Amino acid sequence: MSAQNPQMQFNEAEQRELAQFLEAENAKARIQQTVHAMTDSCWDKCIFKINNKMDRSDESCLSNCVERFLDSSLFVVKRLEDLRSSGI
């Protein structure tokens, strides 16, 4: 008797669908990790006291922090893509 369960073998279309699903789930996980990293970093930099409502300086700081975080991330990704395409 075979050790593999015949029901667990996928045809080519099912394998592609599974690979696409896993890729999408990994992308979601990476986005969540980025959001958590931004939240941790920007919260620590911008929020010094907890109030019922954020004041304008807190909002401005958080907004600028997130924008800089995204700018930096995009710069790094673009630089890595450039390096990879140039063969370095």
C-alpha atoms as a PDB file:
ATOM      1  CA  MET A   1       0.000   0.000   0.000  1.00  0.00           C
ATOM      2  CA  SER A   2       1.318   3.440  -0.938  1.00  0.00           C
ATOM      3  CA  ALA A   3       2.273   5.884   1.807  1.00  0.00           C
ATOM      4  CA  GLN A   4       0.654   8.732  -0.115  1.00  0.00           C
ATOM      5  CA  ASN A   5      -3.069   9.284   0.015  1.00  0.00           C
ATOM      6  CA  PRO A   6      -4.408   9.434  -3.579  1.00  0.00           C
ATOM      7  CA  GLN A   7      -6.841  12.173  -2.542  1.00  0.00           C
ATOM      8  CA  MET A   8      -3.888  14.400  -1.601  1.00  0.00           C
ATOM      9  CA  GLN A   9      -2.414  14.439  -5.117  1.00  0.00           C
ATOM     10  CA  PHE A  10      -3.338  17.553  -7.066  1.00  0.00           C
ATOM     11  CA  ASN A  11      -3.498  17.971 -10.798  1.00  0.00           C
ATOM     12  CA  GLU A  12      -1.537  20.776 -12.466  1.00  0.00           C
ATOM     13  CA  ALA A  13      -4.401  23.294 -12.341  1.00  0.00           C
ATOM     14  CA  GLU A  14      -4.992  22.603  -8.646  1.00  0.00           C
ATOM     15  CA  GLN A  15      -1.275  22.969  -7.926  1.00  0.00           C
ATOM     16  CA  ARG A  16      -1.235  26.366  -9.690  1.00  0.00           C
ATOM     17  CA  GLU A  17      -4.324  27.465  -7.777  1.00  0.00           C
ATOM     18  CA  LEU A  18      -2.766  26.363  -4.485  1.00  0.00           C
ATOM     19  CA  ALA A  19       0.498  28.165  -5.316  1.00  0.00           C
ATOM     20  CA  GLN A  20      -1.422  31.359  -6.139  1.00  0.00           C
ATOM     21  CA  PHE A  21      -3.399  31.094  -2.913  1.00  0.00           C
ATOM     22  CA  LEU A  22      -0.227  30.610  -0.868  1.00  0.00           C
ATOM     23  CA  GLU A  23       1.448  33.539  -2.619  1.00  0.00           C
ATOM     24  CA  ALA A  24      -1.548  35.768  -1.848  1.00  0.00           C
ATOM     25  CA  GLU A  25      -1.538  34.683   1.800  1.00  0.00           C
ATOM     26  CA  ASN A  26       2.199  35.390   2.053  1.00  0.00           C
ATOM     27  CA  ALA A  27       1.624  38.847   0.559  1.00  0.00           C
ATOM     28  CA  LYS A  28      -1.079  39.519   3.164  1.00  0.00           C
ATOM     29  CA  ALA A  29       1.273  38.422   5.934  1.00  0.00           C
ATOM     30  CA  ARG A  30       4.027  40.730   4.639  1.00  0.00           C
ATOM     31  CA  ILE A  31       1.591  43.659   4.567  1.00  0.00           C
ATOM     32  CA  GLN A  32       0.527  42.917   8.139  1.00  0.00           C
ATOM     33  CA  GLN A  33       4.175  42.775   9.229  1.00  0.00           C
ATOM     34  CA  THR A  34       4.800  46.149   7.593  1.00  0.00           C
ATOM     35  CA  VAL A  35       1.773  47.682   9.293  1.00  0.00           C
ATOM     36  CA  HIS A  36       2.933  46.355  12.672  1.00  0.00           C
ATOM     37  CA  ALA A  37       6.457  47.661  12.096  1.00  0.00           C
ATOM     38  CA  MET A  38       5.121  51.106  11.140  1.00  0.00           C
ATOM     39  CA  THR A  39       2.789  51.158  14.110  1.00  0.00           C
ATOM     40  CA  ASP A  40       5.532  50.219  16.568  1.00  0.00           C
ATOM     41  CA  SER A  41       8.078  52.624  15.161  1.00  0.00           C
ATOM     42  CA  CYS A  42       5.811  55.612  14.603  1.00  0.00           C
ATOM     43  CA  TRP A  43       3.909  55.188  17.856  1.00  0.00           C
ATOM     44  CA  ASP A  44       7.140  55.223  19.841  1.00  0.00           C
ATOM     45  CA  LYS A  45       8.375  58.319  17.986  1.00  0.00           C
ATOM     46  CA  CYS A  46       5.165  60.344  18.055  1.00  0.00           C
ATOM     47  CA  ILE A  47       2.954  59.472  21.003  1.00  0.00           C
ATOM     48  CA  PHE A  48       4.201  60.578  24.399  1.00  0.00           C
ATOM     49  CA  LYS A  49       0.942  60.689  26.339  1.00  0.00           C
ATOM     50  CA  ILE A  50      -2.425  59.022  25.920  1.00  0.00           C
ATOM     51  CA  ASN A  51      -5.459  61.286  25.776  1.00  0.00           C
ATOM     52  CA  ASN A  52      -9.078  60.783  24.781  1.00  0.00           C
ATOM     53  CA  LYS A  53      -8.254  62.366  21.445  1.00  0.00           C
ATOM     54  CA  MET A  54      -5.079  62.790  19.408  1.00  0.00           C
ATOM     55  CA  ASP A  55      -3.928  66.342  19.031  1.00  0.00           C
ATOM     56  CA  ARG A  56      -2.806  67.828  15.723  1.00  0.00           C
ATOM     57  CA  SER A  57       0.882  67.433  16.452  1.00  0.00           C
ATOM     58  CA  ASP A  58       0.412  63.699  17.163  1.00  0.00           C
ATOM     59  CA  GLU A  59      -1.566  63.250  13.942  1.00  0.00           C
ATOM     60  CA  SER A  60       0.975  65.211  11.931  1.00  0.00           C
ATOM     61  CA  CYS A  61       3.887  63.272  13.397  1.00  0.00           C
ATOM     62  CA  LEU A  62       2.209  59.910  12.734  1.00  0.00           C
ATOM     63  CA  SER A  63       1.329  60.893   9.185  1.00  0.00           C
ATOM     64  CA  ASN A  64       4.862  62.086   8.420  1.00  0.00           C
ATOM     65  CA  CYS A  65       6.379  59.024  10.067  1.00  0.00           C
ATOM     66  CA  VAL A  66       4.265  56.614   8.023  1.00  0.00           C
ATOM     67  CA  GLU A  67       5.006  58.513   4.810  1.00  0.00           C
ATOM     68  CA  ARG A  68       8.761  58.405   5.482  1.00  0.00           C
ATOM     69  CA  PHE A  69       8.553  54.709   6.384  1.00  0.00           C
ATOM     70  CA  LEU A  70       6.790  53.961   3.093  1.00  0.00           C
ATOM     71  CA  ASP A  71       9.197  56.164   1.119  1.00  0.00           C
ATOM     72  CA  SER A  72      12.147  54.346   2.666  1.00  0.00           C
ATOM     73  CA  SER A  73      10.645  50.930   2.026  1.00  0.00           C
ATOM     74  CA  LEU A  74       9.918  51.757  -1.607  1.00  0.00           C
ATOM     75  CA  PHE A  75      13.429  53.139  -2.064  1.00  0.00           C
ATOM     76  CA  VAL A  76      14.985  49.957  -0.681  1.00  0.00           C
ATOM     77  CA  VAL A  77      12.787  47.718  -2.838  1.00  0.00           C
ATOM     78  CA  LYS A  78      13.566  49.740  -5.972  1.00  0.00           C
ATOM     79  CA  ARG A  79      17.285  49.707  -5.201  1.00  0.00           C
ATOM     80  CA  LEU A  80      17.256  45.928  -4.691  1.00  0.00           C
ATOM     81  CA  GLU A  81      15.374  45.455  -7.961  1.00  0.00           C
ATOM     82  CA  ASP A  82      17.917  47.670  -9.757  1.00  0.00           C
ATOM     83  CA  LEU A  83      20.793  45.675  -8.291  1.00  0.00           C
ATOM     84  CA  ARG A  84      19.173  42.388  -9.229  1.00  0.00           C
ATOM     85  CA  SER A  85      18.457  43.496 -12.798  1.00  0.00           C
ATOM     86  CA  SER A  86      22.035  44.750 -13.259  1.00  0.00           C
ATOM     87  CA  GLY A  87      23.400  41.417 -12.043  1.00  0.00           C
ATOM     88  CA  ILE A  88      25.235  42.740  -8.999  1.00  0.00           C
END
